[in-house]
mmCIF file of all heavy atoms, coordinates in Angstrom:
data_MODEL
# 
_entry.id   MODEL 
# 
loop_
_atom_site.group_PDB 
_atom_site.id 
_atom_site.type_symbol 
_atom_site.label_atom_id 
_atom_site.label_alt_id 
_atom_site.label_comp_id 
_atom_site.label_asym_id 
_atom_site.label_entity_id 
_atom_site.label_seq_id 
_atom_site.pdbx_PDB_ins_code 
_atom_site.Cartn_x 
_atom_site.Cartn_y 
_atom_site.Cartn_z 
_atom_site.occupancy 
_atom_site.B_iso_or_equiv 
_atom_site.pdbx_formal_charge 
_atom_site.auth_seq_id 
_atom_site.auth_comp_id 
_atom_site.auth_asym_id 
_atom_site.auth_atom_id 
_atom_site.pdbx_PDB_model_num 
ATOM 1   N N   . ARG A 1 1  ? -34.803 -29.292 62.728 1.00 0.00 ? 1  ARG A N   1 
ATOM 2   C CA  . ARG A 1 1  ? -33.946 -29.364 63.902 1.00 0.00 ? 1  ARG A CA  1 
ATOM 3   C C   . ARG A 1 1  ? -32.680 -30.174 63.573 1.00 0.00 ? 1  ARG A C   1 
ATOM 4   O O   . ARG A 1 1  ? -32.743 -31.148 62.760 1.00 0.00 ? 1  ARG A O   1 
ATOM 5   C CB  . ARG A 1 1  ? -34.640 -30.026 65.103 1.00 0.00 ? 1  ARG A CB  1 
ATOM 6   C CG  . ARG A 1 1  ? -35.891 -29.230 65.632 1.00 0.00 ? 1  ARG A CG  1 
ATOM 7   C CD  . ARG A 1 1  ? -35.428 -27.916 66.246 1.00 0.00 ? 1  ARG A CD  1 
ATOM 8   N NE  . ARG A 1 1  ? -36.561 -27.213 66.822 1.00 0.00 ? 1  ARG A NE  1 
ATOM 9   C CZ  . ARG A 1 1  ? -37.274 -26.315 66.141 1.00 0.00 ? 1  ARG A CZ  1 
ATOM 10  N NH1 . ARG A 1 1  ? -37.018 -26.038 64.878 1.00 0.00 ? 1  ARG A NH1 1 
ATOM 11  N NH2 . ARG A 1 1  ? -38.283 -25.698 66.746 1.00 0.00 ? 1  ARG A NH2 1 
ATOM 12  N N   . ILE A 1 2  ? -31.567 -29.821 64.181 1.00 0.00 ? 2  ILE A N   1 
ATOM 13  C CA  . ILE A 1 2  ? -30.379 -30.606 64.111 1.00 0.00 ? 2  ILE A CA  1 
ATOM 14  C C   . ILE A 1 2  ? -30.415 -31.663 65.221 1.00 0.00 ? 2  ILE A C   1 
ATOM 15  O O   . ILE A 1 2  ? -30.339 -31.286 66.378 1.00 0.00 ? 2  ILE A O   1 
ATOM 16  C CB  . ILE A 1 2  ? -29.122 -29.768 64.203 1.00 0.00 ? 2  ILE A CB  1 
ATOM 17  C CG1 . ILE A 1 2  ? -29.057 -28.746 63.052 1.00 0.00 ? 2  ILE A CG1 1 
ATOM 18  C CG2 . ILE A 1 2  ? -27.841 -30.606 64.240 1.00 0.00 ? 2  ILE A CG2 1 
ATOM 19  C CD1 . ILE A 1 2  ? -27.873 -27.801 63.132 1.00 0.00 ? 2  ILE A CD1 1 
ATOM 20  N N   . ARG A 1 3  ? -30.527 -32.935 64.853 1.00 0.00 ? 3  ARG A N   1 
ATOM 21  C CA  . ARG A 1 3  ? -30.715 -33.981 65.830 1.00 0.00 ? 3  ARG A CA  1 
ATOM 22  C C   . ARG A 1 3  ? -29.422 -34.811 66.022 1.00 0.00 ? 3  ARG A C   1 
ATOM 23  O O   . ARG A 1 3  ? -29.406 -35.743 66.854 1.00 0.00 ? 3  ARG A O   1 
ATOM 24  C CB  . ARG A 1 3  ? -31.894 -34.873 65.467 1.00 0.00 ? 3  ARG A CB  1 
ATOM 25  C CG  . ARG A 1 3  ? -33.159 -34.032 65.287 1.00 0.00 ? 3  ARG A CG  1 
ATOM 26  C CD  . ARG A 1 3  ? -34.386 -34.961 65.039 1.00 0.00 ? 3  ARG A CD  1 
ATOM 27  N NE  . ARG A 1 3  ? -35.557 -34.112 64.759 1.00 0.00 ? 3  ARG A NE  1 
ATOM 28  C CZ  . ARG A 1 3  ? -36.278 -33.452 65.624 1.00 0.00 ? 3  ARG A CZ  1 
ATOM 29  N NH1 . ARG A 1 3  ? -35.943 -33.493 66.885 1.00 0.00 ? 3  ARG A NH1 1 
ATOM 30  N NH2 . ARG A 1 3  ? -37.354 -32.744 65.270 1.00 0.00 ? 3  ARG A NH2 1 
ATOM 31  N N   . GLY A 1 4  ? -28.379 -34.549 65.231 1.00 0.00 ? 4  GLY A N   1 
ATOM 32  C CA  . GLY A 1 4  ? -27.145 -35.244 65.366 1.00 0.00 ? 4  GLY A CA  1 
ATOM 33  C C   . GLY A 1 4  ? -26.281 -34.527 66.377 1.00 0.00 ? 4  GLY A C   1 
ATOM 34  O O   . GLY A 1 4  ? -26.641 -33.531 67.026 1.00 0.00 ? 4  GLY A O   1 
ATOM 35  N N   . SER A 1 5  ? -24.988 -34.940 66.460 1.00 0.00 ? 5  SER A N   1 
ATOM 36  C CA  . SER A 1 5  ? -24.021 -34.308 67.374 1.00 0.00 ? 5  SER A CA  1 
ATOM 37  C C   . SER A 1 5  ? -23.506 -33.005 66.771 1.00 0.00 ? 5  SER A C   1 
ATOM 38  O O   . SER A 1 5  ? -23.665 -32.715 65.601 1.00 0.00 ? 5  SER A O   1 
ATOM 39  C CB  . SER A 1 5  ? -22.896 -35.257 67.631 1.00 0.00 ? 5  SER A CB  1 
ATOM 40  O OG  . SER A 1 5  ? -22.113 -35.445 66.456 1.00 0.00 ? 5  SER A OG  1 
ATOM 41  N N   . LEU A 1 6  ? -22.859 -32.237 67.607 1.00 0.00 ? 6  LEU A N   1 
ATOM 42  C CA  . LEU A 1 6  ? -22.273 -30.982 67.195 1.00 0.00 ? 6  LEU A CA  1 
ATOM 43  C C   . LEU A 1 6  ? -21.198 -31.216 66.112 1.00 0.00 ? 6  LEU A C   1 
ATOM 44  O O   . LEU A 1 6  ? -21.123 -30.488 65.116 1.00 0.00 ? 6  LEU A O   1 
ATOM 45  C CB  . LEU A 1 6  ? -21.679 -30.225 68.369 1.00 0.00 ? 6  LEU A CB  1 
ATOM 46  C CG  . LEU A 1 6  ? -20.893 -28.947 68.076 1.00 0.00 ? 6  LEU A CG  1 
ATOM 47  C CD1 . LEU A 1 6  ? -21.833 -27.928 67.404 1.00 0.00 ? 6  LEU A CD1 1 
ATOM 48  C CD2 . LEU A 1 6  ? -20.269 -28.359 69.354 1.00 0.00 ? 6  LEU A CD2 1 
ATOM 49  N N   . LEU A 1 7  ? -20.393 -32.248 66.326 1.00 0.00 ? 7  LEU A N   1 
ATOM 50  C CA  . LEU A 1 7  ? -19.298 -32.544 65.375 1.00 0.00 ? 7  LEU A CA  1 
ATOM 51  C C   . LEU A 1 7  ? -19.931 -32.913 64.016 1.00 0.00 ? 7  LEU A C   1 
ATOM 52  O O   . LEU A 1 7  ? -19.390 -32.511 62.946 1.00 0.00 ? 7  LEU A O   1 
ATOM 53  C CB  . LEU A 1 7  ? -18.440 -33.718 65.883 1.00 0.00 ? 7  LEU A CB  1 
ATOM 54  C CG  . LEU A 1 7  ? -17.246 -34.058 65.025 1.00 0.00 ? 7  LEU A CG  1 
ATOM 55  C CD1 . LEU A 1 7  ? -16.258 -32.859 64.915 1.00 0.00 ? 7  LEU A CD1 1 
ATOM 56  C CD2 . LEU A 1 7  ? -16.506 -35.248 65.616 1.00 0.00 ? 7  LEU A CD2 1 
ATOM 57  N N   . GLU A 1 8  ? -20.968 -33.680 64.010 1.00 0.00 ? 8  GLU A N   1 
ATOM 58  C CA  . GLU A 1 8  ? -21.642 -34.084 62.761 1.00 0.00 ? 8  GLU A CA  1 
ATOM 59  C C   . GLU A 1 8  ? -22.237 -32.855 62.069 1.00 0.00 ? 8  GLU A C   1 
ATOM 60  O O   . GLU A 1 8  ? -22.194 -32.748 60.842 1.00 0.00 ? 8  GLU A O   1 
ATOM 61  C CB  . GLU A 1 8  ? -22.706 -35.141 63.035 1.00 0.00 ? 8  GLU A CB  1 
ATOM 62  C CG  . GLU A 1 8  ? -22.154 -36.508 63.394 1.00 0.00 ? 8  GLU A CG  1 
ATOM 63  C CD  . GLU A 1 8  ? -23.220 -37.458 63.832 1.00 0.00 ? 8  GLU A CD  1 
ATOM 64  O OE1 . GLU A 1 8  ? -24.262 -36.998 64.411 1.00 0.00 ? 8  GLU A OE1 1 
ATOM 65  O OE2 . GLU A 1 8  ? -23.083 -38.674 63.530 1.00 0.00 ? 8  GLU A OE2 1 
ATOM 66  N N   . ALA A 1 9  ? -22.837 -31.980 62.855 1.00 0.00 ? 9  ALA A N   1 
ATOM 67  C CA  . ALA A 1 9  ? -23.413 -30.734 62.287 1.00 0.00 ? 9  ALA A CA  1 
ATOM 68  C C   . ALA A 1 9  ? -22.323 -29.860 61.653 1.00 0.00 ? 9  ALA A C   1 
ATOM 69  O O   . ALA A 1 9  ? -22.530 -29.314 60.537 1.00 0.00 ? 9  ALA A O   1 
ATOM 70  C CB  . ALA A 1 9  ? -24.159 -29.944 63.337 1.00 0.00 ? 9  ALA A CB  1 
ATOM 71  N N   . LEU A 1 10 ? -21.182 -29.742 62.295 1.00 0.00 ? 10 LEU A N   1 
ATOM 72  C CA  . LEU A 1 10 ? -20.072 -28.951 61.755 1.00 0.00 ? 10 LEU A CA  1 
ATOM 73  C C   . LEU A 1 10 ? -19.562 -29.609 60.500 1.00 0.00 ? 10 LEU A C   1 
ATOM 74  O O   . LEU A 1 10 ? -19.233 -28.875 59.502 1.00 0.00 ? 10 LEU A O   1 
ATOM 75  C CB  . LEU A 1 10 ? -18.979 -28.826 62.787 1.00 0.00 ? 10 LEU A CB  1 
ATOM 76  C CG  . LEU A 1 10 ? -19.281 -27.976 64.030 1.00 0.00 ? 10 LEU A CG  1 
ATOM 77  C CD1 . LEU A 1 10 ? -18.124 -27.996 65.013 1.00 0.00 ? 10 LEU A CD1 1 
ATOM 78  C CD2 . LEU A 1 10 ? -19.560 -26.546 63.645 1.00 0.00 ? 10 LEU A CD2 1 
ATOM 79  N N   . LEU A 1 11 ? -19.485 -30.908 60.429 1.00 0.00 ? 11 LEU A N   1 
ATOM 80  C CA  . LEU A 1 11 ? -19.070 -31.615 59.239 1.00 0.00 ? 11 LEU A CA  1 
ATOM 81  C C   . LEU A 1 11 ? -20.036 -31.322 58.104 1.00 0.00 ? 11 LEU A C   1 
ATOM 82  O O   . LEU A 1 11 ? -19.667 -31.165 56.949 1.00 0.00 ? 11 LEU A O   1 
ATOM 83  C CB  . LEU A 1 11 ? -18.906 -33.068 59.480 1.00 0.00 ? 11 LEU A CB  1 
ATOM 84  C CG  . LEU A 1 11 ? -18.521 -33.942 58.286 1.00 0.00 ? 11 LEU A CG  1 
ATOM 85  C CD1 . LEU A 1 11 ? -17.201 -33.509 57.645 1.00 0.00 ? 11 LEU A CD1 1 
ATOM 86  C CD2 . LEU A 1 11 ? -18.457 -35.438 58.716 1.00 0.00 ? 11 LEU A CD2 1 
ATOM 87  N N   . ALA A 1 12 ? -21.325 -31.347 58.433 1.00 0.00 ? 12 ALA A N   1 
ATOM 88  C CA  . ALA A 1 12 ? -22.350 -31.080 57.412 1.00 0.00 ? 12 ALA A CA  1 
ATOM 89  C C   . ALA A 1 12 ? -22.195 -29.727 56.823 1.00 0.00 ? 12 ALA A C   1 
ATOM 90  O O   . ALA A 1 12 ? -22.248 -29.542 55.585 1.00 0.00 ? 12 ALA A O   1 
ATOM 91  C CB  . ALA A 1 12 ? -23.757 -31.265 58.037 1.00 0.00 ? 12 ALA A CB  1 
ATOM 92  N N   . PHE A 1 13 ? -21.973 -28.701 57.659 1.00 0.00 ? 13 PHE A N   1 
ATOM 93  C CA  . PHE A 1 13 ? -21.815 -27.325 57.167 1.00 0.00 ? 13 PHE A CA  1 
ATOM 94  C C   . PHE A 1 13 ? -20.528 -27.232 56.334 1.00 0.00 ? 13 PHE A C   1 
ATOM 95  O O   . PHE A 1 13 ? -20.470 -26.515 55.339 1.00 0.00 ? 13 PHE A O   1 
ATOM 96  C CB  . PHE A 1 13 ? -21.818 -26.320 58.295 1.00 0.00 ? 13 PHE A CB  1 
ATOM 97  C CG  . PHE A 1 13 ? -23.166 -26.026 58.868 1.00 0.00 ? 13 PHE A CG  1 
ATOM 98  C CD1 . PHE A 1 13 ? -23.496 -26.365 60.181 1.00 0.00 ? 13 PHE A CD1 1 
ATOM 99  C CD2 . PHE A 1 13 ? -24.166 -25.498 58.064 1.00 0.00 ? 13 PHE A CD2 1 
ATOM 100 C CE1 . PHE A 1 13 ? -24.757 -26.113 60.697 1.00 0.00 ? 13 PHE A CE1 1 
ATOM 101 C CE2 . PHE A 1 13 ? -25.428 -25.225 58.564 1.00 0.00 ? 13 PHE A CE2 1 
ATOM 102 C CZ  . PHE A 1 13 ? -25.737 -25.550 59.868 1.00 0.00 ? 13 PHE A CZ  1 
ATOM 103 N N   . PHE A 1 14 ? -19.500 -27.958 56.746 1.00 0.00 ? 14 PHE A N   1 
ATOM 104 C CA  . PHE A 1 14 ? -18.257 -27.949 55.973 1.00 0.00 ? 14 PHE A CA  1 
ATOM 105 C C   . PHE A 1 14 ? -18.464 -28.545 54.572 1.00 0.00 ? 14 PHE A C   1 
ATOM 106 O O   . PHE A 1 14 ? -18.057 -28.016 53.568 1.00 0.00 ? 14 PHE A O   1 
ATOM 107 C CB  . PHE A 1 14 ? -17.188 -28.763 56.684 1.00 0.00 ? 14 PHE A CB  1 
ATOM 108 C CG  . PHE A 1 14 ? -15.981 -29.030 55.847 1.00 0.00 ? 14 PHE A CG  1 
ATOM 109 C CD1 . PHE A 1 14 ? -15.011 -28.051 55.648 1.00 0.00 ? 14 PHE A CD1 1 
ATOM 110 C CD2 . PHE A 1 14 ? -15.765 -30.283 55.225 1.00 0.00 ? 14 PHE A CD2 1 
ATOM 111 C CE1 . PHE A 1 14 ? -13.891 -28.273 54.809 1.00 0.00 ? 14 PHE A CE1 1 
ATOM 112 C CE2 . PHE A 1 14 ? -14.678 -30.552 54.426 1.00 0.00 ? 14 PHE A CE2 1 
ATOM 113 C CZ  . PHE A 1 14 ? -13.703 -29.548 54.233 1.00 0.00 ? 14 PHE A CZ  1 
ATOM 114 N N   . ILE A 1 15 ? -19.197 -29.630 54.482 1.00 0.00 ? 15 ILE A N   1 
ATOM 115 C CA  . ILE A 1 15 ? -19.496 -30.302 53.190 1.00 0.00 ? 15 ILE A CA  1 
ATOM 116 C C   . ILE A 1 15 ? -20.306 -29.307 52.349 1.00 0.00 ? 15 ILE A C   1 
ATOM 117 O O   . ILE A 1 15 ? -20.069 -29.172 51.133 1.00 0.00 ? 15 ILE A O   1 
ATOM 118 C CB  . ILE A 1 15 ? -20.254 -31.616 53.384 1.00 0.00 ? 15 ILE A CB  1 
ATOM 119 C CG1 . ILE A 1 15 ? -19.342 -32.645 54.032 1.00 0.00 ? 15 ILE A CG1 1 
ATOM 120 C CG2 . ILE A 1 15 ? -20.825 -32.120 52.141 1.00 0.00 ? 15 ILE A CG2 1 
ATOM 121 C CD1 . ILE A 1 15 ? -20.033 -33.937 54.411 1.00 0.00 ? 15 ILE A CD1 1 
ATOM 122 N N   . LEU A 1 16 ? -21.258 -28.652 52.948 1.00 0.00 ? 16 LEU A N   1 
ATOM 123 C CA  . LEU A 1 16 ? -22.108 -27.730 52.199 1.00 0.00 ? 16 LEU A CA  1 
ATOM 124 C C   . LEU A 1 16 ? -21.310 -26.585 51.619 1.00 0.00 ? 16 LEU A C   1 
ATOM 125 O O   . LEU A 1 16 ? -21.432 -26.171 50.460 1.00 0.00 ? 16 LEU A O   1 
ATOM 126 C CB  . LEU A 1 16 ? -23.184 -27.159 53.157 1.00 0.00 ? 16 LEU A CB  1 
ATOM 127 C CG  . LEU A 1 16 ? -24.205 -26.203 52.508 1.00 0.00 ? 16 LEU A CG  1 
ATOM 128 C CD1 . LEU A 1 16 ? -24.996 -26.837 51.396 1.00 0.00 ? 16 LEU A CD1 1 
ATOM 129 C CD2 . LEU A 1 16 ? -25.143 -25.667 53.575 1.00 0.00 ? 16 LEU A CD2 1 
ATOM 130 N N   . LEU A 1 17 ? -20.379 -26.016 52.403 1.00 0.00 ? 17 LEU A N   1 
ATOM 131 C CA  . LEU A 1 17 ? -19.564 -24.900 51.927 1.00 0.00 ? 17 LEU A CA  1 
ATOM 132 C C   . LEU A 1 17 ? -18.524 -25.374 50.925 1.00 0.00 ? 17 LEU A C   1 
ATOM 133 O O   . LEU A 1 17 ? -18.180 -24.622 50.006 1.00 0.00 ? 17 LEU A O   1 
ATOM 134 C CB  . LEU A 1 17 ? -18.943 -24.169 53.107 1.00 0.00 ? 17 LEU A CB  1 
ATOM 135 C CG  . LEU A 1 17 ? -19.935 -23.504 54.064 1.00 0.00 ? 17 LEU A CG  1 
ATOM 136 C CD1 . LEU A 1 17 ? -19.177 -22.854 55.232 1.00 0.00 ? 17 LEU A CD1 1 
ATOM 137 C CD2 . LEU A 1 17 ? -20.727 -22.446 53.306 1.00 0.00 ? 17 LEU A CD2 1 
ATOM 138 N N   . LEU A 1 18 ? -17.998 -26.565 51.071 1.00 0.00 ? 18 LEU A N   1 
ATOM 139 C CA  . LEU A 1 18 ? -17.067 -27.140 50.078 1.00 0.00 ? 18 LEU A CA  1 
ATOM 140 C C   . LEU A 1 18 ? -17.822 -27.307 48.766 1.00 0.00 ? 18 LEU A C   1 
ATOM 141 O O   . LEU A 1 18 ? -17.249 -26.969 47.705 1.00 0.00 ? 18 LEU A O   1 
ATOM 142 C CB  . LEU A 1 18 ? -16.555 -28.478 50.582 1.00 0.00 ? 18 LEU A CB  1 
ATOM 143 C CG  . LEU A 1 18 ? -15.651 -29.253 49.629 1.00 0.00 ? 18 LEU A CG  1 
ATOM 144 C CD1 . LEU A 1 18 ? -14.338 -28.431 49.332 1.00 0.00 ? 18 LEU A CD1 1 
ATOM 145 C CD2 . LEU A 1 18 ? -15.280 -30.631 50.102 1.00 0.00 ? 18 LEU A CD2 1 
ATOM 146 N N   . PHE A 1 19 ? -19.019 -27.751 48.810 1.00 0.00 ? 19 PHE A N   1 
ATOM 147 C CA  . PHE A 1 19 ? -19.828 -27.905 47.563 1.00 0.00 ? 19 PHE A CA  1 
ATOM 148 C C   . PHE A 1 19 ? -20.116 -26.532 46.948 1.00 0.00 ? 19 PHE A C   1 
ATOM 149 O O   . PHE A 1 19 ? -20.041 -26.370 45.753 1.00 0.00 ? 19 PHE A O   1 
ATOM 150 C CB  . PHE A 1 19 ? -21.157 -28.624 47.878 1.00 0.00 ? 19 PHE A CB  1 
ATOM 151 C CG  . PHE A 1 19 ? -22.025 -28.829 46.692 1.00 0.00 ? 19 PHE A CG  1 
ATOM 152 C CD1 . PHE A 1 19 ? -21.702 -29.752 45.722 1.00 0.00 ? 19 PHE A CD1 1 
ATOM 153 C CD2 . PHE A 1 19 ? -23.181 -28.052 46.552 1.00 0.00 ? 19 PHE A CD2 1 
ATOM 154 C CE1 . PHE A 1 19 ? -22.505 -29.957 44.584 1.00 0.00 ? 19 PHE A CE1 1 
ATOM 155 C CE2 . PHE A 1 19 ? -23.964 -28.228 45.448 1.00 0.00 ? 19 PHE A CE2 1 
ATOM 156 C CZ  . PHE A 1 19 ? -23.676 -29.161 44.470 1.00 0.00 ? 19 PHE A CZ  1 
ATOM 157 N N   . SER A 1 20 ? -20.350 -25.533 47.809 1.00 0.00 ? 20 SER A N   1 
ATOM 158 C CA  . SER A 1 20 ? -20.630 -24.156 47.338 1.00 0.00 ? 20 SER A CA  1 
ATOM 159 C C   . SER A 1 20 ? -19.379 -23.618 46.601 1.00 0.00 ? 20 SER A C   1 
ATOM 160 O O   . SER A 1 20 ? -19.443 -23.036 45.549 1.00 0.00 ? 20 SER A O   1 
ATOM 161 C CB  . SER A 1 20 ? -20.977 -23.254 48.496 1.00 0.00 ? 20 SER A CB  1 
ATOM 162 O OG  . SER A 1 20 ? -21.044 -21.898 48.091 1.00 0.00 ? 20 SER A OG  1 
ATOM 163 N N   . PHE A 1 21 ? -18.201 -23.841 47.213 1.00 0.00 ? 21 PHE A N   1 
ATOM 164 C CA  . PHE A 1 21 ? -16.922 -23.406 46.595 1.00 0.00 ? 21 PHE A CA  1 
ATOM 165 C C   . PHE A 1 21 ? -16.692 -24.082 45.283 1.00 0.00 ? 21 PHE A C   1 
ATOM 166 O O   . PHE A 1 21 ? -16.258 -23.470 44.268 1.00 0.00 ? 21 PHE A O   1 
ATOM 167 C CB  . PHE A 1 21 ? -15.804 -23.673 47.534 1.00 0.00 ? 21 PHE A CB  1 
ATOM 168 C CG  . PHE A 1 21 ? -14.509 -23.057 47.177 1.00 0.00 ? 21 PHE A CG  1 
ATOM 169 C CD1 . PHE A 1 21 ? -14.330 -21.662 47.058 1.00 0.00 ? 21 PHE A CD1 1 
ATOM 170 C CD2 . PHE A 1 21 ? -13.387 -23.856 46.842 1.00 0.00 ? 21 PHE A CD2 1 
ATOM 171 C CE1 . PHE A 1 21 ? -13.114 -21.088 46.697 1.00 0.00 ? 21 PHE A CE1 1 
ATOM 172 C CE2 . PHE A 1 21 ? -12.171 -23.248 46.459 1.00 0.00 ? 21 PHE A CE2 1 
ATOM 173 C CZ  . PHE A 1 21 ? -12.028 -21.905 46.401 1.00 0.00 ? 21 PHE A CZ  1 
ATOM 174 N N   . ALA A 1 22 ? -16.990 -25.356 45.218 1.00 0.00 ? 22 ALA A N   1 
ATOM 175 C CA  . ALA A 1 22 ? -16.841 -26.074 43.909 1.00 0.00 ? 22 ALA A CA  1 
ATOM 176 C C   . ALA A 1 22 ? -17.751 -25.568 42.837 1.00 0.00 ? 22 ALA A C   1 
ATOM 177 O O   . ALA A 1 22 ? -17.364 -25.363 41.698 1.00 0.00 ? 22 ALA A O   1 
ATOM 178 C CB  . ALA A 1 22 ? -17.069 -27.594 44.138 1.00 0.00 ? 22 ALA A CB  1 
ATOM 179 N N   . MET A 1 23 ? -18.999 -25.264 43.228 1.00 0.00 ? 23 MET A N   1 
ATOM 180 C CA  . MET A 1 23 ? -19.949 -24.768 42.274 1.00 0.00 ? 23 MET A CA  1 
ATOM 181 C C   . MET A 1 23 ? -19.580 -23.380 41.781 1.00 0.00 ? 23 MET A C   1 
ATOM 182 O O   . MET A 1 23 ? -19.871 -22.976 40.653 1.00 0.00 ? 23 MET A O   1 
ATOM 183 C CB  . MET A 1 23 ? -21.377 -24.758 42.897 1.00 0.00 ? 23 MET A CB  1 
ATOM 184 C CG  . MET A 1 23 ? -21.928 -26.153 43.167 1.00 0.00 ? 23 MET A CG  1 
ATOM 185 S SD  . MET A 1 23 ? -22.124 -27.164 41.728 1.00 0.00 ? 23 MET A SD  1 
ATOM 186 C CE  . MET A 1 23 ? -23.459 -26.319 40.903 1.00 0.00 ? 23 MET A CE  1 
ATOM 187 N N   . SER A 1 24 ? -18.914 -22.606 42.642 1.00 0.00 ? 24 SER A N   1 
ATOM 188 C CA  . SER A 1 24 ? -18.453 -21.283 42.217 1.00 0.00 ? 24 SER A CA  1 
ATOM 189 C C   . SER A 1 24 ? -17.464 -21.341 41.106 1.00 0.00 ? 24 SER A C   1 
ATOM 190 O O   . SER A 1 24 ? -17.464 -20.496 40.219 1.00 0.00 ? 24 SER A O   1 
ATOM 191 C CB  . SER A 1 24 ? -17.827 -20.525 43.438 1.00 0.00 ? 24 SER A CB  1 
ATOM 192 O OG  . SER A 1 24 ? -18.814 -20.200 44.420 1.00 0.00 ? 24 SER A OG  1 
ATOM 193 N N   . TRP A 1 25 ? -16.626 -22.387 41.097 1.00 0.00 ? 25 TRP A N   1 
ATOM 194 C CA  . TRP A 1 25 ? -15.652 -22.533 40.011 1.00 0.00 ? 25 TRP A CA  1 
ATOM 195 C C   . TRP A 1 25 ? -16.319 -22.968 38.715 1.00 0.00 ? 25 TRP A C   1 
ATOM 196 O O   . TRP A 1 25 ? -15.871 -22.596 37.642 1.00 0.00 ? 25 TRP A O   1 
ATOM 197 C CB  . TRP A 1 25 ? -14.535 -23.502 40.431 1.00 0.00 ? 25 TRP A CB  1 
ATOM 198 C CG  . TRP A 1 25 ? -13.548 -22.827 41.335 1.00 0.00 ? 25 TRP A CG  1 
ATOM 199 C CD1 . TRP A 1 25 ? -13.568 -22.846 42.714 1.00 0.00 ? 25 TRP A CD1 1 
ATOM 200 C CD2 . TRP A 1 25 ? -12.481 -22.024 40.932 1.00 0.00 ? 25 TRP A CD2 1 
ATOM 201 N NE1 . TRP A 1 25 ? -12.514 -22.094 43.206 1.00 0.00 ? 25 TRP A NE1 1 
ATOM 202 C CE2 . TRP A 1 25 ? -11.827 -21.599 42.101 1.00 0.00 ? 25 TRP A CE2 1 
ATOM 203 C CE3 . TRP A 1 25 ? -11.937 -21.604 39.701 1.00 0.00 ? 25 TRP A CE3 1 
ATOM 204 C CZ2 . TRP A 1 25 ? -10.708 -20.755 42.116 1.00 0.00 ? 25 TRP A CZ2 1 
ATOM 205 C CZ3 . TRP A 1 25 ? -10.845 -20.794 39.691 1.00 0.00 ? 25 TRP A CZ3 1 
ATOM 206 C CH2 . TRP A 1 25 ? -10.188 -20.408 40.890 1.00 0.00 ? 25 TRP A CH2 1 
# 
């Protein structure tokens, strides 16, 4: 479950996709 705020969850997904983009390179 996501127990943090919506803003924190969106930041988490942003960090995850930023890491994904970096690993793609």
